[in-house]
N, C-alpha and C. Protein backbone atom coordinates (compact mmCIF):
# COMPACT_ATOMS: atom_id res chain seq x y z
N MET A 1 0.83 -1.18 0.00
CA MET A 1 0.00 0.00 0.00
C MET A 1 0.88 1.25 0.00
N VAL A 2 0.52 2.22 -0.82
CA VAL A 2 1.32 3.42 -0.99
C VAL A 2 0.75 4.55 -0.15
N LYS A 3 1.60 5.18 0.64
CA LYS A 3 1.19 6.39 1.35
C LYS A 3 1.34 7.54 0.37
N VAL A 4 0.24 8.14 -0.02
CA VAL A 4 0.31 9.20 -1.00
C VAL A 4 0.71 10.52 -0.35
N LEU A 5 0.02 10.90 0.70
CA LEU A 5 0.32 12.16 1.35
C LEU A 5 1.08 11.91 2.65
N GLN A 6 2.28 12.45 2.71
CA GLN A 6 3.09 12.33 3.91
C GLN A 6 3.25 13.71 4.51
N LYS A 7 3.99 13.81 5.56
CA LYS A 7 4.11 15.06 6.28
C LYS A 7 4.51 16.26 5.40
N PRO A 8 5.50 16.16 4.53
CA PRO A 8 5.84 17.32 3.70
C PRO A 8 4.67 17.78 2.81
N GLU A 9 3.93 16.83 2.30
CA GLU A 9 2.80 17.18 1.44
C GLU A 9 1.68 17.83 2.23
N ILE A 10 1.43 17.34 3.43
CA ILE A 10 0.41 17.93 4.28
C ILE A 10 0.81 19.35 4.66
N SER A 11 2.08 19.55 4.99
CA SER A 11 2.57 20.90 5.30
C SER A 11 2.39 21.83 4.10
N GLN A 12 2.66 21.31 2.93
CA GLN A 12 2.51 22.11 1.73
C GLN A 12 1.04 22.46 1.49
N LEU A 13 0.15 21.53 1.77
CA LEU A 13 -1.28 21.81 1.65
C LEU A 13 -1.71 22.92 2.61
N HIS A 14 -1.15 22.91 3.80
CA HIS A 14 -1.46 23.96 4.77
C HIS A 14 -0.96 25.32 4.28
N ARG A 15 0.23 25.34 3.69
CA ARG A 15 0.76 26.59 3.12
C ARG A 15 -0.16 27.09 2.01
N LEU A 16 -0.57 26.17 1.15
CA LEU A 16 -1.48 26.55 0.06
C LEU A 16 -2.78 27.14 0.60
N SER A 17 -3.29 26.52 1.61
CA SER A 17 -4.51 26.99 2.24
C SER A 17 -4.33 28.42 2.76
N GLY A 18 -3.21 28.66 3.41
CA GLY A 18 -2.90 29.99 3.92
C GLY A 18 -2.74 31.00 2.79
N GLN A 19 -2.08 30.59 1.73
CA GLN A 19 -1.92 31.49 0.58
C GLN A 19 -3.27 31.86 -0.01
N LEU A 20 -4.16 30.89 -0.13
CA LEU A 20 -5.48 31.17 -0.69
C LEU A 20 -6.29 32.10 0.21
N ARG A 21 -6.16 31.91 1.52
CA ARG A 21 -6.83 32.84 2.43
C ARG A 21 -6.27 34.25 2.26
N GLY A 22 -4.97 34.31 2.02
CA GLY A 22 -4.32 35.60 1.79
C GLY A 22 -4.85 36.28 0.52
N VAL A 23 -5.03 35.51 -0.53
CA VAL A 23 -5.59 36.05 -1.78
C VAL A 23 -7.00 36.56 -1.52
N GLU A 24 -7.78 35.79 -0.80
CA GLU A 24 -9.15 36.22 -0.48
C GLU A 24 -9.15 37.54 0.29
N LYS A 25 -8.25 37.65 1.25
CA LYS A 25 -8.15 38.87 2.05
C LYS A 25 -7.75 40.06 1.16
N MET A 26 -6.80 39.82 0.27
CA MET A 26 -6.36 40.88 -0.64
C MET A 26 -7.52 41.35 -1.52
N VAL A 27 -8.31 40.42 -2.02
CA VAL A 27 -9.45 40.77 -2.87
C VAL A 27 -10.46 41.59 -2.05
N ASN A 28 -10.74 41.13 -0.84
CA ASN A 28 -11.70 41.83 0.03
C ASN A 28 -11.22 43.24 0.39
N GLN A 29 -9.92 43.42 0.46
CA GLN A 29 -9.35 44.73 0.82
C GLN A 29 -9.03 45.57 -0.41
N ASN A 30 -9.47 45.11 -1.57
CA ASN A 30 -9.24 45.85 -2.83
C ASN A 30 -7.76 46.16 -3.06
N ALA A 31 -6.92 45.14 -2.85
CA ALA A 31 -5.48 45.30 -3.11
C ALA A 31 -5.26 45.51 -4.60
N LYS A 32 -4.06 45.96 -4.93
CA LYS A 32 -3.71 46.16 -6.34
C LYS A 32 -3.81 44.84 -7.09
N VAL A 33 -4.34 44.91 -8.29
CA VAL A 33 -4.50 43.70 -9.10
C VAL A 33 -3.15 43.01 -9.31
N SER A 34 -2.11 43.78 -9.53
CA SER A 34 -0.78 43.18 -9.76
C SER A 34 -0.31 42.38 -8.54
N GLU A 35 -0.63 42.87 -7.34
CA GLU A 35 -0.24 42.15 -6.13
C GLU A 35 -1.06 40.86 -5.97
N ILE A 36 -2.33 40.94 -6.30
CA ILE A 36 -3.19 39.74 -6.23
C ILE A 36 -2.71 38.70 -7.22
N LEU A 37 -2.42 39.13 -8.43
CA LEU A 37 -1.95 38.20 -9.46
C LEU A 37 -0.62 37.57 -9.09
N GLN A 38 0.24 38.35 -8.46
CA GLN A 38 1.53 37.83 -8.02
C GLN A 38 1.32 36.72 -6.98
N GLN A 39 0.39 36.94 -6.07
CA GLN A 39 0.10 35.92 -5.05
C GLN A 39 -0.54 34.68 -5.67
N ILE A 40 -1.41 34.89 -6.64
CA ILE A 40 -2.03 33.75 -7.33
C ILE A 40 -0.97 32.93 -8.05
N GLU A 41 0.01 33.59 -8.63
CA GLU A 41 1.10 32.88 -9.30
C GLU A 41 1.90 32.05 -8.30
N ALA A 42 2.09 32.58 -7.10
CA ALA A 42 2.79 31.83 -6.05
C ALA A 42 1.99 30.59 -5.67
N VAL A 43 0.68 30.73 -5.57
CA VAL A 43 -0.19 29.59 -5.26
C VAL A 43 -0.06 28.54 -6.36
N ARG A 44 -0.11 29.00 -7.60
CA ARG A 44 -0.01 28.08 -8.73
C ARG A 44 1.31 27.31 -8.71
N GLY A 45 2.41 27.99 -8.40
CA GLY A 45 3.71 27.33 -8.33
C GLY A 45 3.77 26.30 -7.22
N ASN A 46 3.20 26.66 -6.08
CA ASN A 46 3.18 25.75 -4.94
C ASN A 46 2.32 24.52 -5.23
N LEU A 47 1.22 24.73 -5.90
CA LEU A 47 0.33 23.62 -6.27
C LEU A 47 1.03 22.69 -7.27
N LYS A 48 1.76 23.28 -8.20
CA LYS A 48 2.50 22.49 -9.19
C LYS A 48 3.57 21.62 -8.52
N THR A 49 4.23 22.22 -7.53
CA THR A 49 5.24 21.47 -6.79
C THR A 49 4.62 20.29 -6.06
N LEU A 50 3.47 20.51 -5.45
CA LEU A 50 2.76 19.43 -4.75
C LEU A 50 2.37 18.33 -5.74
N GLU A 51 1.85 18.74 -6.88
CA GLU A 51 1.45 17.77 -7.90
C GLU A 51 2.64 16.90 -8.32
N LYS A 52 3.78 17.51 -8.55
CA LYS A 52 4.97 16.76 -8.96
C LYS A 52 5.43 15.81 -7.87
N ARG A 53 5.35 16.25 -6.63
CA ARG A 53 5.73 15.37 -5.52
C ARG A 53 4.87 14.13 -5.47
N ILE A 54 3.57 14.34 -5.58
CA ILE A 54 2.63 13.23 -5.49
C ILE A 54 2.81 12.29 -6.68
N LEU A 55 2.95 12.84 -7.88
CA LEU A 55 3.19 12.00 -9.06
C LEU A 55 4.50 11.25 -8.94
N GLY A 56 5.52 11.93 -8.42
CA GLY A 56 6.83 11.29 -8.26
C GLY A 56 6.77 10.09 -7.34
N GLN A 57 6.00 10.21 -6.27
CA GLN A 57 5.84 9.07 -5.35
C GLN A 57 5.12 7.92 -6.03
N LYS A 58 4.12 8.27 -6.82
CA LYS A 58 3.34 7.24 -7.51
C LYS A 58 4.23 6.49 -8.52
N ILE A 59 5.06 7.21 -9.23
CA ILE A 59 5.94 6.62 -10.24
C ILE A 59 6.90 5.60 -9.62
N LYS A 60 7.43 5.93 -8.45
CA LYS A 60 8.39 5.04 -7.79
C LYS A 60 7.80 3.65 -7.53
N ASN A 61 6.50 3.58 -7.34
CA ASN A 61 5.86 2.31 -6.95
C ASN A 61 5.19 1.57 -8.10
N LEU A 62 5.32 2.07 -9.30
CA LEU A 62 4.68 1.41 -10.44
C LEU A 62 5.48 0.20 -10.89
N LYS A 63 4.77 -0.82 -11.29
CA LYS A 63 5.41 -2.04 -11.82
C LYS A 63 5.34 -2.06 -13.34
N ASP A 64 4.25 -1.57 -13.89
CA ASP A 64 4.01 -1.58 -15.32
C ASP A 64 4.82 -0.47 -16.00
N GLU A 65 5.68 -0.84 -16.94
CA GLU A 65 6.57 0.13 -17.59
C GLU A 65 5.81 1.16 -18.43
N GLU A 66 4.74 0.76 -19.08
CA GLU A 66 3.96 1.70 -19.89
C GLU A 66 3.32 2.77 -19.01
N LEU A 67 2.78 2.35 -17.89
CA LEU A 67 2.21 3.32 -16.94
C LEU A 67 3.29 4.24 -16.39
N LYS A 68 4.44 3.66 -16.13
CA LYS A 68 5.56 4.45 -15.61
C LYS A 68 5.95 5.53 -16.61
N LYS A 69 6.00 5.17 -17.89
CA LYS A 69 6.33 6.14 -18.94
C LYS A 69 5.28 7.25 -19.00
N THR A 70 4.02 6.87 -18.87
CA THR A 70 2.93 7.84 -18.91
C THR A 70 3.04 8.81 -17.74
N TYR A 71 3.25 8.30 -16.54
CA TYR A 71 3.39 9.16 -15.38
C TYR A 71 4.61 10.08 -15.50
N ASN A 72 5.72 9.53 -16.01
CA ASN A 72 6.91 10.37 -16.21
C ASN A 72 6.62 11.50 -17.20
N TYR A 73 5.89 11.19 -18.23
CA TYR A 73 5.50 12.20 -19.21
C TYR A 73 4.65 13.28 -18.54
N LEU A 74 3.67 12.87 -17.77
CA LEU A 74 2.80 13.82 -17.06
C LEU A 74 3.62 14.68 -16.10
N LEU A 75 4.58 14.09 -15.45
CA LEU A 75 5.42 14.83 -14.53
C LEU A 75 6.22 15.90 -15.26
N LYS A 76 6.71 15.57 -16.45
CA LYS A 76 7.50 16.53 -17.22
C LYS A 76 6.66 17.70 -17.73
N ILE A 77 5.42 17.44 -18.13
CA ILE A 77 4.63 18.52 -18.72
C ILE A 77 3.85 19.33 -17.69
N SER A 78 3.80 18.84 -16.46
CA SER A 78 3.02 19.59 -15.45
C SER A 78 3.85 20.70 -14.84
């Protein structure tokens, strides 16, 4: 059985949650659009990193080579 989410991933999810709350606060306070977009880009980068981590863990445990190639491809393009 594969543990998909481990402590680093959970910590990253908490950071993402905080970042999203920050974006919401910025929107509610009518912050500059450029500042909001900058924060959204940070969220997107953090989410991408989490996605790669989770895919990377999945790839390590694959037995089927074709599936492994597919996951590696997804990891490269994400």
